[in-house]
């Protein structure tokens, strides 16, 4: 995090490598979710969901502060750039403040 993006164009091989890594991660997640007893008992881990904010042309929208302010959810945090948000799922859940 915090590193400059060096590449903005990618080859077909880059996309294949990304797809393969994504599929491997999804298989591992599927295996975890299929374990007998998964999800039973007290929560034991946290997770985060990265959200990228884009317009209809898939260009970054620099509005994360406005979204965070409007949603007023303590689990929604800002990232370093203005087109990204992070939703944190902890080991205990708090009800978000909805307006």
PDB file of N, CA and C in Angstrom:
ATOM      1  N   UNK A   1       0.845  -1.168   0.000  1.00  0.00           N
ATOM      2  CA  UNK A   1       0.000   0.000   0.000  1.00  0.00           C
ATOM      3  C   UNK A   1       0.893   1.234   0.000  1.00  0.00           C
ATOM      4  N   UNK A   2       0.462   2.249  -0.706  1.00  0.00           N
ATOM      5  CA  UNK A   2       1.222   3.472  -0.737  1.00  0.00           C
ATOM      6  C   UNK A   2       2.281   3.507  -1.820  1.00  0.00           C
ATOM      7  N   UNK A   3       2.435   2.417  -2.578  1.00  0.00           N
ATOM      8  CA  UNK A   3       3.407   2.390  -3.670  1.00  0.00           C
ATOM      9  C   UNK A   3       2.781   3.011  -4.902  1.00  0.00           C
ATOM     10  N   UNK A   4       3.595   3.644  -5.691  1.00  0.00           N
ATOM     11  CA  UNK A   4       3.112   4.220  -6.937  1.00  0.00           C
ATOM     12  C   UNK A   4       2.800   3.114  -7.936  1.00  0.00           C
ATOM     13  N   UNK A   5       1.791   3.312  -8.723  1.00  0.00           N
ATOM     14  CA  UNK A   5       1.440   2.360  -9.775  1.00  0.00           C
ATOM     15  C   UNK A   5       2.386   2.595 -10.937  1.00  0.00           C
ATOM     16  N   UNK A   6       3.112   1.548 -11.315  1.00  0.00           N
ATOM     17  CA  UNK A   6       4.101   1.691 -12.381  1.00  0.00           C
ATOM     18  C   UNK A   6       3.543   1.337 -13.748  1.00  0.00           C
ATOM     19  N   UNK A   7       2.576   0.434 -13.810  1.00  0.00           N
ATOM     20  CA  UNK A   7       2.044  -0.021 -15.091  1.00  0.00           C
ATOM     21  C   UNK A   7       0.571   0.362 -15.219  1.00  0.00           C
ATOM     22  N   UNK A   8       0.217   0.887 -16.365  1.00  0.00           N
ATOM     23  CA  UNK A   8      -1.185   1.201 -16.624  1.00  0.00           C
ATOM     24  C   UNK A   8      -1.711   0.439 -17.838  1.00  0.00           C
ATOM     25  N   UNK A   9      -0.814  -0.265 -18.518  1.00  0.00           N
ATOM     26  CA  UNK A   9      -1.215  -1.101 -19.644  1.00  0.00           C
ATOM     27  C   UNK A   9      -0.712  -2.511 -19.375  1.00  0.00           C
ATOM     28  N   UNK A  10      -1.514  -3.499 -19.756  1.00  0.00           N
ATOM     29  CA  UNK A  10      -1.187  -4.884 -19.439  1.00  0.00           C
ATOM     30  C   UNK A  10      -1.327  -5.760 -20.671  1.00  0.00           C
ATOM     31  N   UNK A  11      -0.493  -6.763 -20.725  1.00  0.00           N
ATOM     32  CA  UNK A  11      -0.501  -7.684 -21.865  1.00  0.00           C
ATOM     33  C   UNK A  11      -1.527  -8.785 -21.626  1.00  0.00           C
ATOM     34  N   UNK A  12      -1.787  -9.548 -22.667  1.00  0.00           N
ATOM     35  CA  UNK A  12      -2.689 -10.695 -22.547  1.00  0.00           C
ATOM     36  C   UNK A  12      -2.136 -11.676 -21.508  1.00  0.00           C
ATOM     37  N   UNK A  13      -0.820 -11.834 -21.457  1.00  0.00           N
ATOM     38  CA  UNK A  13      -0.192 -12.724 -20.481  1.00  0.00           C
ATOM     39  C   UNK A  13      -0.429 -12.220 -19.046  1.00  0.00           C
ATOM     40  N   UNK A  14      -0.386 -10.911 -18.836  1.00  0.00           N
ATOM     41  CA  UNK A  14      -0.671 -10.334 -17.515  1.00  0.00           C
ATOM     42  C   UNK A  14      -2.088 -10.689 -17.077  1.00  0.00           C
ATOM     43  N   UNK A  15      -3.041 -10.561 -17.997  1.00  0.00           N
ATOM     44  CA  UNK A  15      -4.428 -10.863 -17.658  1.00  0.00           C
ATOM     45  C   UNK A  15      -4.617 -12.354 -17.367  1.00  0.00           C
ATOM     46  N   UNK A  16      -3.929 -13.207 -18.094  1.00  0.00           N
ATOM     47  CA  UNK A  16      -3.999 -14.649 -17.833  1.00  0.00           C
ATOM     48  C   UNK A  16      -3.427 -14.960 -16.454  1.00  0.00           C
ATOM     49  N   UNK A  17      -2.303 -14.367 -16.119  1.00  0.00           N
ATOM     50  CA  UNK A  17      -1.681 -14.577 -14.803  1.00  0.00           C
ATOM     51  C   UNK A  17      -2.615 -14.090 -13.684  1.00  0.00           C
ATOM     52  N   UNK A  18      -3.225 -12.923 -13.878  1.00  0.00           N
ATOM     53  CA  UNK A  18      -4.164 -12.392 -12.891  1.00  0.00           C
ATOM     54  C   UNK A  18      -5.354 -13.339 -12.734  1.00  0.00           C
ATOM     55  N   UNK A  19      -5.921 -13.774 -13.862  1.00  0.00           N
ATOM     56  CA  UNK A  19      -7.067 -14.682 -13.822  1.00  0.00           C
ATOM     57  C   UNK A  19      -6.722 -15.971 -13.082  1.00  0.00           C
ATOM     58  N   UNK A  20      -5.552 -16.539 -13.367  1.00  0.00           N
ATOM     59  CA  UNK A  20      -5.138 -17.784 -12.718  1.00  0.00           C
ATOM     60  C   UNK A  20      -4.984 -17.605 -11.214  1.00  0.00           C
ATOM     61  N   UNK A  21      -4.396 -16.499 -10.792  1.00  0.00           N
ATOM     62  CA  UNK A  21      -4.233 -16.242  -9.356  1.00  0.00           C
ATOM     63  C   UNK A  21      -5.584 -16.015  -8.687  1.00  0.00           C
ATOM     64  N   UNK A  22      -6.460 -15.286  -9.351  1.00  0.00           N
ATOM     65  CA  UNK A  22      -7.791 -15.052  -8.805  1.00  0.00           C
ATOM     66  C   UNK A  22      -8.553 -16.361  -8.662  1.00  0.00           C
ATOM     67  N   UNK A  23      -8.507 -17.208  -9.678  1.00  0.00           N
ATOM     68  CA  UNK A  23      -9.192 -18.506  -9.611  1.00  0.00           C
ATOM     69  C   UNK A  23      -8.619 -19.380  -8.505  1.00  0.00           C
ATOM     70  N   UNK A  24      -7.316 -19.371  -8.313  1.00  0.00           N
ATOM     71  CA  UNK A  24      -6.695 -20.148  -7.237  1.00  0.00           C
ATOM     72  C   UNK A  24      -7.180 -19.657  -5.876  1.00  0.00           C
ATOM     73  N   UNK A  25      -7.259 -18.342  -5.706  1.00  0.00           N
ATOM     74  CA  UNK A  25      -7.755 -17.787  -4.451  1.00  0.00           C
ATOM     75  C   UNK A  25      -9.223 -18.126  -4.228  1.00  0.00           C
ATOM     76  N   UNK A  26     -10.019 -18.087  -5.275  1.00  0.00           N
ATOM     77  CA  UNK A  26     -11.436 -18.438  -5.139  1.00  0.00           C
ATOM     78  C   UNK A  26     -11.620 -19.921  -4.814  1.00  0.00           C
ATOM     79  N   UNK A  27     -10.771 -20.778  -5.382  1.00  0.00           N
ATOM     80  CA  UNK A  27     -10.839 -22.211  -5.028  1.00  0.00           C
ATOM     81  C   UNK A  27     -10.497 -22.419  -3.561  1.00  0.00           C
ATOM     82  N   UNK A  28      -9.477 -21.720  -3.076  1.00  0.00           N
ATOM     83  CA  UNK A  28      -9.098 -21.839  -1.658  1.00  0.00           C
ATOM     84  C   UNK A  28     -10.233 -21.346  -0.758  1.00  0.00           C
ATOM     85  N   UNK A  29     -10.871 -20.247  -1.130  1.00  0.00           N
ATOM     86  CA  UNK A  29     -11.998 -19.738  -0.347  1.00  0.00           C
ATOM     87  C   UNK A  29     -13.160 -20.723  -0.365  1.00  0.00           C
ATOM     88  N   UNK A  30     -13.434 -21.285  -1.524  1.00  0.00           N
ATOM     89  CA  UNK A  30     -14.521 -22.264  -1.646  1.00  0.00           C
ATOM     90  C   UNK A  30     -14.260 -23.474  -0.757  1.00  0.00           C
ATOM     91  N   UNK A  31     -13.014 -23.938  -0.724  1.00  0.00           N
ATOM     92  CA  UNK A  31     -12.636 -25.075   0.123  1.00  0.00           C
ATOM     93  C   UNK A  31     -12.854 -24.735   1.600  1.00  0.00           C
ATOM     94  N   UNK A  32     -12.470 -23.524   1.989  1.00  0.00           N
ATOM     95  CA  UNK A  32     -12.658 -23.079   3.370  1.00  0.00           C
ATOM     96  C   UNK A  32     -14.136 -23.027   3.730  1.00  0.00           C
ATOM     97  N   UNK A  33     -14.944 -22.455   2.865  1.00  0.00           N
ATOM     98  CA  UNK A  33     -16.378 -22.329   3.136  1.00  0.00           C
ATOM     99  C   UNK A  33     -17.086 -23.678   3.170  1.00  0.00           C
ATOM    100  N   UNK A  34     -16.536 -24.675   2.489  1.00  0.00           N
ATOM    101  CA  UNK A  34     -17.156 -26.003   2.436  1.00  0.00           C
ATOM    102  C   UNK A  34     -16.797 -26.879   3.635  1.00  0.00           C
ATOM    103  N   UNK A  35     -15.877 -26.448   4.475  1.00  0.00           N
ATOM    104  CA  UNK A  35     -15.488 -27.242   5.645  1.00  0.00           C
ATOM    105  C   UNK A  35     -16.692 -27.469   6.555  1.00  0.00           C
ATOM    106  N   UNK A  36     -16.863 -28.693   7.042  1.00  0.00           N
ATOM    107  CA  UNK A  36     -17.945 -28.935   8.001  1.00  0.00           C
ATOM    108  C   UNK A  36     -17.762 -28.042   9.229  1.00  0.00           C
ATOM    109  N   UNK A  37     -18.820 -27.393   9.632  1.00  0.00           N
ATOM    110  CA  UNK A  37     -18.785 -26.544  10.808  1.00  0.00           C
ATOM    111  C   UNK A  37     -18.293 -25.134  10.563  1.00  0.00           C
ATOM    112  N   UNK A  38     -17.935 -24.820   9.302  1.00  0.00           N
ATOM    113  CA  UNK A  38     -17.460 -23.469   9.031  1.00  0.00           C
ATOM    114  C   UNK A  38     -18.561 -22.470   9.357  1.00  0.00           C
ATOM    115  N   UNK A  39     -18.213 -21.437  10.085  1.00  0.00           N
ATOM    116  CA  UNK A  39     -19.175 -20.390  10.422  1.00  0.00           C
ATOM    117  C   UNK A  39     -19.906 -20.615  11.726  1.00  0.00           C
ATOM    118  N   UNK A  40     -19.704 -21.762  12.351  1.00  0.00           N
ATOM    119  CA  UNK A  40     -20.346 -22.028  13.635  1.00  0.00           C
ATOM    120  C   UNK A  40     -19.479 -21.495  14.756  1.00  0.00           C
ATOM    121  N   UNK A  41     -20.093 -21.140  15.862  1.00  0.00           N
ATOM    122  CA  UNK A  41     -19.348 -20.658  17.009  1.00  0.00           C
ATOM    123  C   UNK A  41     -19.012 -19.186  16.895  1.00  0.00           C
ATOM    124  N   UNK A  42     -18.198 -18.703  17.817  1.00  0.00           N
ATOM    125  CA  UNK A  42     -17.858 -17.280  17.803  1.00  0.00           C
ATOM    126  C   UNK A  42     -16.981 -16.932  16.598  1.00  0.00           C
ATOM    127  N   UNK A  43     -17.115 -15.711  16.141  1.00  0.00           N
ATOM    128  CA  UNK A  43     -16.283 -15.252  15.035  1.00  0.00           C
ATOM    129  C   UNK A  43     -14.825 -15.285  15.458  1.00  0.00           C
ATOM    130  N   UNK A  44     -13.957 -15.696  14.547  1.00  0.00           N
ATOM    131  CA  UNK A  44     -12.554 -15.860  14.910  1.00  0.00           C
ATOM    132  C   UNK A  44     -11.590 -15.142  13.968  1.00  0.00           C
ATOM    133  N   UNK A  45     -12.100 -14.416  13.001  1.00  0.00           N
ATOM    134  CA  UNK A  45     -11.206 -13.690  12.103  1.00  0.00           C
ATOM    135  C   UNK A  45     -11.906 -12.447  11.576  1.00  0.00           C
ATOM    136  N   UNK A  46     -11.126 -11.568  11.039  1.00  0.00           N
ATOM    137  CA  UNK A  46     -11.660 -10.381  10.395  1.00  0.00           C
ATOM    138  C   UNK A  46     -11.351 -10.427   8.914  1.00  0.00           C
ATOM    139  N   UNK A  47     -12.006  -9.588   8.170  1.00  0.00           N
ATOM    140  CA  UNK A  47     -11.773  -9.510   6.728  1.00  0.00           C
ATOM    141  C   UNK A  47     -12.032  -8.077   6.289  1.00  0.00           C
ATOM    142  N   UNK A  48     -11.566  -7.761   5.112  1.00  0.00           N
ATOM    143  CA  UNK A  48     -11.832  -6.437   4.561  1.00  0.00           C
ATOM    144  C   UNK A  48     -12.200  -6.570   3.095  1.00  0.00           C
ATOM    145  N   UNK A  49     -13.011  -5.646   2.652  1.00  0.00           N
ATOM    146  CA  UNK A  49     -13.432  -5.597   1.259  1.00  0.00           C
ATOM    147  C   UNK A  49     -12.989  -4.255   0.698  1.00  0.00           C
ATOM    148  N   UNK A  50     -12.160  -4.303  -0.328  1.00  0.00           N
ATOM    149  CA  UNK A  50     -11.693  -3.087  -0.993  1.00  0.00           C
ATOM    150  C   UNK A  50     -12.716  -2.690  -2.056  1.00  0.00           C
ATOM    151  N   UNK A  51     -13.090  -1.431  -2.063  1.00  0.00           N
ATOM    152  CA  UNK A  51     -14.072  -0.919  -3.015  1.00  0.00           C
ATOM    153  C   UNK A  51     -13.430   0.175  -3.859  1.00  0.00           C
ATOM    154  N   UNK A  52     -13.498   0.022  -5.161  1.00  0.00           N
ATOM    155  CA  UNK A  52     -12.975   1.033  -6.074  1.00  0.00           C
ATOM    156  C   UNK A  52     -14.145   1.779  -6.687  1.00  0.00           C
ATOM    157  N   UNK A  53     -14.092   3.082  -6.649  1.00  0.00           N
ATOM    158  CA  UNK A  53     -15.190   3.928  -7.095  1.00  0.00           C
ATOM    159  C   UNK A  53     -14.857   4.422  -8.497  1.00  0.00           C
ATOM    160  N   UNK A  54     -15.717   4.054  -9.449  1.00  0.00           N
ATOM    161  CA  UNK A  54     -15.472   4.416 -10.850  1.00  0.00           C
ATOM    162  C   UNK A  54     -16.734   5.024 -11.464  1.00  0.00           C
ATOM    163  N   UNK A  55     -16.548   5.716 -12.577  1.00  0.00           N
ATOM    164  CA  UNK A  55     -17.683   6.276 -13.305  1.00  0.00           C
ATOM    165  C   UNK A  55     -18.134   5.306 -14.394  1.00  0.00           C
ATOM    166  N   UNK A  56     -19.054   5.735 -15.228  1.00  0.00           N
ATOM    167  CA  UNK A  56     -19.607   4.871 -16.274  1.00  0.00           C
ATOM    168  C   UNK A  56     -18.584   4.496 -17.349  1.00  0.00           C
ATOM    169  N   UNK A  57     -17.446   5.182 -17.387  1.00  0.00           N
ATOM    170  CA  UNK A  57     -16.372   4.847 -18.325  1.00  0.00           C
ATOM    171  C   UNK A  57     -15.238   4.084 -17.643  1.00  0.00           C
ATOM    172  N   UNK A  58     -15.492   3.641 -16.401  1.00  0.00           N
ATOM    173  CA  UNK A  58     -14.514   2.898 -15.594  1.00  0.00           C
ATOM    174  C   UNK A  58     -13.299   3.746 -15.216  1.00  0.00           C
ATOM    175  N   UNK A  59     -13.486   5.044 -15.150  1.00  0.00           N
ATOM    176  CA  UNK A  59     -12.422   5.946 -14.697  1.00  0.00           C
ATOM    177  C   UNK A  59     -12.638   6.244 -13.222  1.00  0.00           C
ATOM    178  N   UNK A  60     -11.558   6.421 -12.464  1.00  0.00           N
ATOM    179  CA  UNK A  60     -11.687   6.652 -11.022  1.00  0.00           C
ATOM    180  C   UNK A  60     -12.503   7.912 -10.706  1.00  0.00           C
ATOM    181  N   UNK A  61     -13.373   7.778  -9.716  1.00  0.00           N
ATOM    182  CA  UNK A  61     -14.109   8.922  -9.180  1.00  0.00           C
ATOM    183  C   UNK A  61     -13.516   9.242  -7.814  1.00  0.00           C
ATOM    184  N   UNK A  62     -13.086  10.438  -7.605  1.00  0.00           N
ATOM    185  CA  UNK A  62     -12.417  10.832  -6.367  1.00  0.00           C
ATOM    186  C   UNK A  62     -13.441  11.345  -5.349  1.00  0.00           C
ATOM    187  N   UNK A  63     -14.289  10.447  -4.859  1.00  0.00           N
ATOM    188  CA  UNK A  63     -15.391  10.856  -3.966  1.00  0.00           C
ATOM    189  C   UNK A  63     -15.473  10.002  -2.702  1.00  0.00           C
ATOM    190  N   UNK A  64     -14.393   9.323  -2.312  1.00  0.00           N
ATOM    191  CA  UNK A  64     -14.496   8.428  -1.159  1.00  0.00           C
ATOM    192  C   UNK A  64     -14.847   9.161   0.133  1.00  0.00           C
ATOM    193  N   UNK A  65     -14.338  10.374   0.341  1.00  0.00           N
ATOM    194  CA  UNK A  65     -14.652  11.104   1.568  1.00  0.00           C
ATOM    195  C   UNK A  65     -16.130  11.453   1.639  1.00  0.00           C
ATOM    196  N   UNK A  66     -16.706  11.836   0.509  1.00  0.00           N
ATOM    197  CA  UNK A  66     -18.125  12.172   0.467  1.00  0.00           C
ATOM    198  C   UNK A  66     -18.982  10.943   0.757  1.00  0.00           C
ATOM    199  N   UNK A  67     -18.607   9.796   0.188  1.00  0.00           N
ATOM    200  CA  UNK A  67     -19.354   8.562   0.424  1.00  0.00           C
ATOM    201  C   UNK A  67     -19.261   8.157   1.886  1.00  0.00           C
ATOM    202  N   UNK A  68     -18.065   8.204   2.443  1.00  0.00           N
ATOM    203  CA  UNK A  68     -17.892   7.833   3.850  1.00  0.00           C
ATOM    204  C   UNK A  68     -18.723   8.746   4.755  1.00  0.00           C
ATOM    205  N   UNK A  69     -18.685  10.024   4.498  1.00  0.00           N
ATOM    206  CA  UNK A  69     -19.448  10.979   5.306  1.00  0.00           C
ATOM    207  C   UNK A  69     -20.949  10.709   5.199  1.00  0.00           C
ATOM    208  N   UNK A  70     -21.427  10.442   4.001  1.00  0.00           N
ATOM    209  CA  UNK A  70     -22.863  10.233   3.792  1.00  0.00           C
ATOM    210  C   UNK A  70     -23.348   8.936   4.428  1.00  0.00           C
ATOM    211  N   UNK A  71     -22.553   7.857   4.319  1.00  0.00           N
ATOM    212  CA  UNK A  71     -22.978   6.569   4.879  1.00  0.00           C
ATOM    213  C   UNK A  71     -22.815   6.508   6.395  1.00  0.00           C
ATOM    214  N   UNK A  72     -21.863   7.250   6.939  1.00  0.00           N
ATOM    215  CA  UNK A  72     -21.653   7.315   8.387  1.00  0.00           C
ATOM    216  C   UNK A  72     -21.612   5.914   9.001  1.00  0.00           C
ATOM    217  N   UNK A  73     -20.790   5.051   8.422  1.00  0.00           N
ATOM    218  CA  UNK A  73     -20.642   3.666   8.874  1.00  0.00           C
ATOM    219  C   UNK A  73     -19.248   3.502   9.465  1.00  0.00           C
ATOM    220  N   UNK A  74     -19.139   3.153  10.758  1.00  0.00           N
ATOM    221  CA  UNK A  74     -17.815   3.058  11.375  1.00  0.00           C
ATOM    222  C   UNK A  74     -16.927   1.959  10.787  1.00  0.00           C
ATOM    223  N   UNK A  75     -17.502   1.024  10.053  1.00  0.00           N
ATOM    224  CA  UNK A  75     -16.714  -0.051   9.454  1.00  0.00           C
ATOM    225  C   UNK A  75     -16.173   0.319   8.076  1.00  0.00           C
ATOM    226  N   UNK A  76     -16.606   1.449   7.539  1.00  0.00           N
ATOM    227  CA  UNK A  76     -16.171   1.915   6.225  1.00  0.00           C
ATOM    228  C   UNK A  76     -15.060   2.937   6.425  1.00  0.00           C
ATOM    229  N   UNK A  77     -13.857   2.637   5.933  1.00  0.00           N
ATOM    230  CA  UNK A  77     -12.710   3.516   6.159  1.00  0.00           C
ATOM    231  C   UNK A  77     -12.121   3.995   4.846  1.00  0.00           C
ATOM    232  N   UNK A  78     -11.433   5.118   4.923  1.00  0.00           N
ATOM    233  CA  UNK A  78     -10.785   5.701   3.747  1.00  0.00           C
ATOM    234  C   UNK A  78      -9.481   4.985   3.452  1.00  0.00           C
ATOM    235  N   UNK A  79      -9.106   4.985   2.206  1.00  0.00           N
ATOM    236  CA  UNK A  79      -7.808   4.497   1.768  1.00  0.00           C
ATOM    237  C   UNK A  79      -6.957   5.709   1.403  1.00  0.00           C
ATOM    238  N   UNK A  80      -5.729   5.453   0.969  1.00  0.00           N
ATOM    239  CA  UNK A  80      -4.818   6.556   0.670  1.00  0.00           C
ATOM    240  C   UNK A  80      -5.269   7.406  -0.510  1.00  0.00           C
ATOM    241  N   UNK A  81      -5.894   6.789  -1.492  1.00  0.00           N
ATOM    242  CA  UNK A  81      -6.343   7.561  -2.646  1.00  0.00           C
ATOM    243  C   UNK A  81      -7.809   7.937  -2.451  1.00  0.00           C
ATOM    244  N   UNK A  82      -8.335   8.781  -3.309  1.00  0.00           N
ATOM    245  CA  UNK A  82      -9.708   9.276  -3.153  1.00  0.00           C
ATOM    246  C   UNK A  82     -10.737   8.426  -3.893  1.00  0.00           C
ATOM    247  N   UNK A  83     -10.332   7.376  -4.615  1.00  0.00           N
ATOM    248  CA  UNK A  83     -11.275   6.547  -5.365  1.00  0.00           C
ATOM    249  C   UNK A  83     -11.386   5.141  -4.788  1.00  0.00           C
ATOM    250  N   UNK A  84     -11.046   4.995  -3.526  1.00  0.00           N
ATOM    251  CA  UNK A  84     -11.021   3.670  -2.910  1.00  0.00           C
ATOM    252  C   UNK A  84     -11.551   3.778  -1.486  1.00  0.00           C
ATOM    253  N   UNK A  85     -12.327   2.771  -1.081  1.00  0.00           N
ATOM    254  CA  UNK A  85     -12.807   2.644   0.293  1.00  0.00           C
ATOM    255  C   UNK A  85     -12.540   1.230   0.754  1.00  0.00           C
ATOM    256  N   UNK A  86     -12.559   1.028   2.054  1.00  0.00           N
ATOM    257  CA  UNK A  86     -12.358  -0.304   2.607  1.00  0.00           C
ATOM    258  C   UNK A  86     -13.447  -0.558   3.635  1.00  0.00           C
ATOM    259  N   UNK A  87     -14.115  -1.695   3.498  1.00  0.00           N
ATOM    260  CA  UNK A  87     -15.134  -2.105   4.473  1.00  0.00           C
ATOM    261  C   UNK A  87     -14.526  -3.209   5.313  1.00  0.00           C
ATOM    262  N   UNK A  88     -14.468  -2.992   6.619  1.00  0.00           N
ATOM    263  CA  UNK A  88     -13.813  -3.919   7.542  1.00  0.00           C
ATOM    264  C   UNK A  88     -14.833  -4.766   8.290  1.00  0.00           C
ATOM    265  N   UNK A  89     -14.647  -6.061   8.228  1.00  0.00           N
ATOM    266  CA  UNK A  89     -15.470  -7.003   8.971  1.00  0.00           C
ATOM    267  C   UNK A  89     -14.599  -7.530  10.098  1.00  0.00           C
ATOM    268  N   UNK A  90     -14.922  -7.187  11.312  1.00  0.00           N
ATOM    269  CA  UNK A  90     -14.109  -7.614  12.441  1.00  0.00           C
ATOM    270  C   UNK A  90     -14.657  -8.866  13.090  1.00  0.00           C
ATOM    271  N   UNK A  91     -14.094  -9.195  14.237  1.00  0.00           N
ATOM    272  CA  UNK A  91     -14.542 -10.377  14.967  1.00  0.00           C
ATOM    273  C   UNK A  91     -15.807 -10.084  15.752  1.00  0.00           C
ATOM    274  N   UNK A  92     -16.238  -8.861  15.758  1.00  0.00           N
ATOM    275  CA  UNK A  92     -17.544  -8.520  16.326  1.00  0.00           C
ATOM    276  C   UNK A  92     -18.174  -7.495  15.397  1.00  0.00           C
ATOM    277  N   UNK A  93     -19.466  -7.536  15.315  1.00  0.00           N
ATOM    278  CA  UNK A  93     -20.147  -6.644  14.387  1.00  0.00           C
ATOM    279  C   UNK A  93     -20.837  -5.525  15.135  1.00  0.00           C
ATOM    280  N   UNK A  94     -20.716  -4.351  14.572  1.00  0.00           N
ATOM    281  CA  UNK A  94     -21.419  -3.185  15.092  1.00  0.00           C
ATOM    282  C   UNK A  94     -22.476  -2.817  14.063  1.00  0.00           C
ATOM    283  N   UNK A  95     -23.610  -2.366  14.531  1.00  0.00           N
ATOM    284  CA  UNK A  95     -24.623  -1.905  13.597  1.00  0.00           C
ATOM    285  C   UNK A  95     -24.218  -0.546  13.057  1.00  0.00           C
ATOM    286  N   UNK A  96     -24.190  -0.404  11.720  1.00  0.00           N
ATOM    287  CA  UNK A  96     -23.843   0.905  11.158  1.00  0.00           C
ATOM    288  C   UNK A  96     -24.927   1.917  11.451  1.00  0.00           C
ATOM    289  N   UNK A  97     -24.531   3.183  11.549  1.00  0.00           N
ATOM    290  CA  UNK A  97     -25.497   4.285  11.727  1.00  0.00           C
ATOM    291  C   UNK A  97     -26.054   4.637  10.364  1.00  0.00           C
ATOM    292  N   UNK A  98     -27.324   4.407  10.167  1.00  0.00           N
ATOM    293  CA  UNK A  98     -27.971   4.742   8.880  1.00  0.00           C
ATOM    294  C   UNK A  98     -28.786   5.987   9.058  1.00  0.00           C
ATOM    295  N   UNK A  99     -28.737   6.859   8.062  1.00  0.00           N
ATOM    296  CA  UNK A  99     -29.524   8.102   8.124  1.00  0.00           C
ATOM    297  C   UNK A  99     -30.778   7.959   7.345  1.00  0.00           C
TER     298      UNK A  99
END
